N, C-alpha and C. Protein backbone atom coordinates (compact mmCIF):
# COMPACT_ATOMS: atom_id res chain seq x y z
N UNK A 1 99.09 110.19 102.23
CA UNK A 1 100.54 110.27 102.33
C UNK A 1 100.98 109.57 103.61
N UNK A 2 102.01 108.74 103.48
CA UNK A 2 102.56 108.03 104.63
C UNK A 2 103.62 108.89 105.30
N UNK A 3 103.56 108.96 106.61
CA UNK A 3 104.54 109.70 107.40
C UNK A 3 105.49 108.67 108.00
N UNK A 4 106.75 108.71 107.57
CA UNK A 4 107.77 107.77 108.03
C UNK A 4 108.75 108.54 108.90
N UNK A 5 108.94 108.05 110.11
CA UNK A 5 109.90 108.68 111.03
C UNK A 5 111.00 107.66 111.31
N UNK A 6 112.23 108.11 111.13
CA UNK A 6 113.40 107.30 111.47
C UNK A 6 113.97 107.86 112.77
N UNK A 7 113.99 107.03 113.80
CA UNK A 7 114.52 107.44 115.10
C UNK A 7 115.95 106.93 115.22
N UNK A 8 116.87 107.85 115.44
CA UNK A 8 118.27 107.47 115.58
C UNK A 8 119.17 108.70 115.56
N UNK A 9 120.37 108.51 116.03
CA UNK A 9 121.30 109.62 116.18
C UNK A 9 122.06 110.01 114.94
N UNK A 10 121.75 109.44 113.81
CA UNK A 10 122.45 109.81 112.58
C UNK A 10 123.61 108.88 112.25
N UNK A 11 123.64 107.72 112.86
CA UNK A 11 124.70 106.74 112.61
C UNK A 11 124.49 106.09 111.23
N UNK A 12 125.47 105.36 110.75
CA UNK A 12 125.32 104.69 109.45
C UNK A 12 124.10 103.76 109.39
N UNK A 13 123.77 103.10 110.50
CA UNK A 13 122.59 102.22 110.51
C UNK A 13 121.31 103.02 110.31
N UNK A 14 121.25 104.20 110.91
CA UNK A 14 120.07 105.06 110.77
C UNK A 14 119.93 105.53 109.33
N UNK A 15 121.04 105.90 108.72
CA UNK A 15 121.02 106.34 107.32
C UNK A 15 120.57 105.20 106.40
N UNK A 16 121.04 104.00 106.68
CA UNK A 16 120.67 102.83 105.87
C UNK A 16 119.18 102.54 106.00
N UNK A 17 118.65 102.64 107.22
CA UNK A 17 117.22 102.43 107.43
C UNK A 17 116.40 103.46 106.66
N UNK A 18 116.82 104.71 106.68
CA UNK A 18 116.13 105.77 105.93
C UNK A 18 116.18 105.48 104.43
N UNK A 19 117.32 105.01 103.98
CA UNK A 19 117.48 104.66 102.56
C UNK A 19 116.53 103.52 102.18
N UNK A 20 116.45 102.51 103.03
CA UNK A 20 115.54 101.39 102.78
C UNK A 20 114.08 101.86 102.76
N UNK A 21 113.72 102.75 103.68
CA UNK A 21 112.34 103.25 103.75
C UNK A 21 112.00 104.02 102.47
N UNK A 22 112.91 104.85 102.02
CA UNK A 22 112.67 105.62 100.80
C UNK A 22 112.54 104.68 99.59
N UNK A 23 113.40 103.71 99.51
CA UNK A 23 113.36 102.75 98.41
C UNK A 23 112.04 101.97 98.40
N UNK A 24 111.59 101.53 99.58
CA UNK A 24 110.34 100.78 99.69
C UNK A 24 109.16 101.63 99.24
N UNK A 25 109.10 102.87 99.70
CA UNK A 25 107.99 103.75 99.33
C UNK A 25 107.99 104.02 97.82
N UNK A 26 109.16 104.22 97.25
CA UNK A 26 109.24 104.47 95.81
C UNK A 26 108.83 103.24 95.01
N UNK A 27 109.24 102.06 95.46
CA UNK A 27 108.88 100.82 94.76
C UNK A 27 107.37 100.58 94.81
N UNK A 28 106.73 101.00 95.90
CA UNK A 28 105.28 100.85 96.03
C UNK A 28 104.54 102.01 95.37
N UNK A 29 105.30 103.01 94.94
CA UNK A 29 104.72 104.18 94.27
C UNK A 29 103.69 104.89 95.15
N UNK A 30 104.07 105.10 96.42
CA UNK A 30 103.17 105.81 97.33
C UNK A 30 103.80 107.15 97.71
N UNK A 31 102.94 108.09 98.05
CA UNK A 31 103.43 109.38 98.53
C UNK A 31 103.90 109.21 99.97
N UNK A 32 105.02 109.82 100.29
CA UNK A 32 105.57 109.66 101.62
C UNK A 32 106.36 110.90 102.02
N UNK A 33 106.57 110.99 103.31
CA UNK A 33 107.41 112.02 103.89
C UNK A 33 108.29 111.32 104.91
N UNK A 34 109.60 111.56 104.85
CA UNK A 34 110.51 110.96 105.83
C UNK A 34 111.05 112.06 106.74
N UNK A 35 110.95 111.79 108.03
CA UNK A 35 111.50 112.70 109.03
C UNK A 35 112.52 111.92 109.85
N UNK A 36 113.67 112.52 110.06
CA UNK A 36 114.70 111.88 110.89
C UNK A 36 114.73 112.60 112.23
N UNK A 37 114.62 111.82 113.30
CA UNK A 37 114.54 112.36 114.65
C UNK A 37 115.69 111.81 115.48
N UNK A 38 116.47 112.70 116.08
CA UNK A 38 117.61 112.26 116.90
C UNK A 38 117.46 112.63 118.38
N UNK A 39 116.32 113.15 118.76
CA UNK A 39 116.07 113.55 120.15
C UNK A 39 115.59 112.34 120.95
N UNK A 40 116.37 111.92 121.93
CA UNK A 40 116.02 110.72 122.70
C UNK A 40 114.69 110.86 123.43
N UNK A 41 114.27 112.09 123.71
CA UNK A 41 112.97 112.29 124.36
C UNK A 41 111.84 111.84 123.43
N UNK A 42 112.04 112.01 122.14
CA UNK A 42 111.05 111.55 121.17
C UNK A 42 111.01 110.02 121.12
N UNK A 43 112.18 109.39 121.29
CA UNK A 43 112.23 107.92 121.30
C UNK A 43 111.31 107.37 122.38
N UNK A 44 111.32 108.03 123.53
CA UNK A 44 110.53 107.56 124.67
C UNK A 44 109.04 107.57 124.37
N UNK A 45 108.59 108.48 123.54
CA UNK A 45 107.17 108.55 123.19
C UNK A 45 106.70 107.27 122.51
N UNK A 46 107.63 106.61 121.83
CA UNK A 46 107.29 105.38 121.11
C UNK A 46 107.78 104.13 121.84
N UNK A 47 108.40 104.29 123.01
CA UNK A 47 108.88 103.16 123.78
C UNK A 47 110.14 102.53 123.20
N UNK A 48 110.91 103.30 122.46
CA UNK A 48 112.11 102.79 121.81
C UNK A 48 113.28 102.77 122.79
N UNK A 49 113.91 101.60 122.91
CA UNK A 49 115.08 101.45 123.77
C UNK A 49 116.36 101.37 122.94
N UNK A 50 116.23 100.89 121.70
CA UNK A 50 117.39 100.75 120.82
C UNK A 50 117.08 101.34 119.45
N UNK A 51 118.06 102.01 118.90
CA UNK A 51 117.90 102.55 117.56
C UNK A 51 118.78 101.76 116.60
N UNK A 52 118.53 101.84 115.32
CA UNK A 52 117.52 102.68 114.68
C UNK A 52 116.12 102.09 114.84
N UNK A 53 115.14 102.95 114.68
CA UNK A 53 113.75 102.52 114.75
C UNK A 53 112.98 103.21 113.64
N UNK A 54 111.89 102.56 113.23
CA UNK A 54 111.04 103.14 112.19
C UNK A 54 109.61 103.22 112.70
N UNK A 55 109.02 104.39 112.51
CA UNK A 55 107.64 104.65 112.90
C UNK A 55 106.90 105.05 111.62
N UNK A 56 105.76 104.44 111.39
CA UNK A 56 104.96 104.78 110.22
C UNK A 56 103.57 105.18 110.68
N UNK A 57 103.18 106.40 110.31
CA UNK A 57 101.87 106.95 110.69
C UNK A 57 101.62 106.82 112.19
N UNK A 58 102.66 107.12 112.97
CA UNK A 58 102.53 107.14 114.42
C UNK A 58 102.68 105.81 115.12
N UNK A 59 102.91 104.73 114.37
CA UNK A 59 103.01 103.40 114.97
C UNK A 59 104.43 102.87 114.83
N UNK A 60 105.02 102.45 115.95
CA UNK A 60 106.35 101.85 115.92
C UNK A 60 106.27 100.51 115.20
N UNK A 61 107.10 100.36 114.17
CA UNK A 61 107.08 99.13 113.38
C UNK A 61 108.26 98.22 113.73
N UNK A 62 109.41 98.79 114.03
CA UNK A 62 110.60 97.99 114.36
C UNK A 62 111.62 98.89 115.04
N UNK A 63 112.43 98.28 115.91
CA UNK A 63 113.51 99.04 116.53
C UNK A 63 114.70 98.12 116.81
N UNK A 64 115.87 98.72 116.89
CA UNK A 64 117.07 97.99 117.20
C UNK A 64 117.66 97.21 116.03
N UNK A 65 117.15 97.47 114.82
CA UNK A 65 117.66 96.76 113.65
C UNK A 65 117.40 97.58 112.40
N UNK A 66 118.06 97.20 111.32
CA UNK A 66 117.83 97.82 110.02
C UNK A 66 116.81 96.94 109.29
N UNK A 67 115.60 97.42 109.19
CA UNK A 67 114.57 96.66 108.48
C UNK A 67 114.90 96.62 106.99
N UNK A 68 114.62 95.49 106.36
CA UNK A 68 114.87 95.35 104.94
C UNK A 68 113.84 96.14 104.14
N UNK A 69 114.14 96.36 102.88
CA UNK A 69 113.19 97.03 101.98
C UNK A 69 111.90 96.23 101.94
N UNK A 70 112.00 94.91 101.85
CA UNK A 70 110.80 94.06 101.80
C UNK A 70 109.97 94.17 103.07
N UNK A 71 110.63 94.19 104.23
CA UNK A 71 109.89 94.36 105.49
C UNK A 71 109.17 95.70 105.51
N UNK A 72 109.85 96.74 105.09
CA UNK A 72 109.24 98.08 105.13
C UNK A 72 108.07 98.16 104.15
N UNK A 73 108.16 97.48 103.03
CA UNK A 73 107.02 97.44 102.11
C UNK A 73 105.80 96.87 102.83
N UNK A 74 106.01 95.81 103.61
CA UNK A 74 104.90 95.20 104.36
C UNK A 74 104.34 96.18 105.39
N UNK A 75 105.23 96.96 106.02
CA UNK A 75 104.78 97.96 106.99
C UNK A 75 103.92 99.03 106.32
N UNK A 76 104.27 99.37 105.08
CA UNK A 76 103.59 100.46 104.38
C UNK A 76 102.23 100.08 103.79
N UNK A 77 102.04 98.79 103.58
CA UNK A 77 100.77 98.36 102.94
C UNK A 77 99.64 98.32 103.94
């Protein structure tokens, strides 16, 4: 199971990134869990300076932008 964490304060960009992550996981037909984190102290653990950010299985994949569904598919493989 892939653990996907969306780092962000709940803004529209954060919601869109979560939507893209869910869509990518479903298209790849993989088991996943999405957690949304809005605590800036957690951002620091991953070195995130700008949100939204996506972390997969503990690894920061992108920050400061809304990753596309296609990009997230690449992150998940």
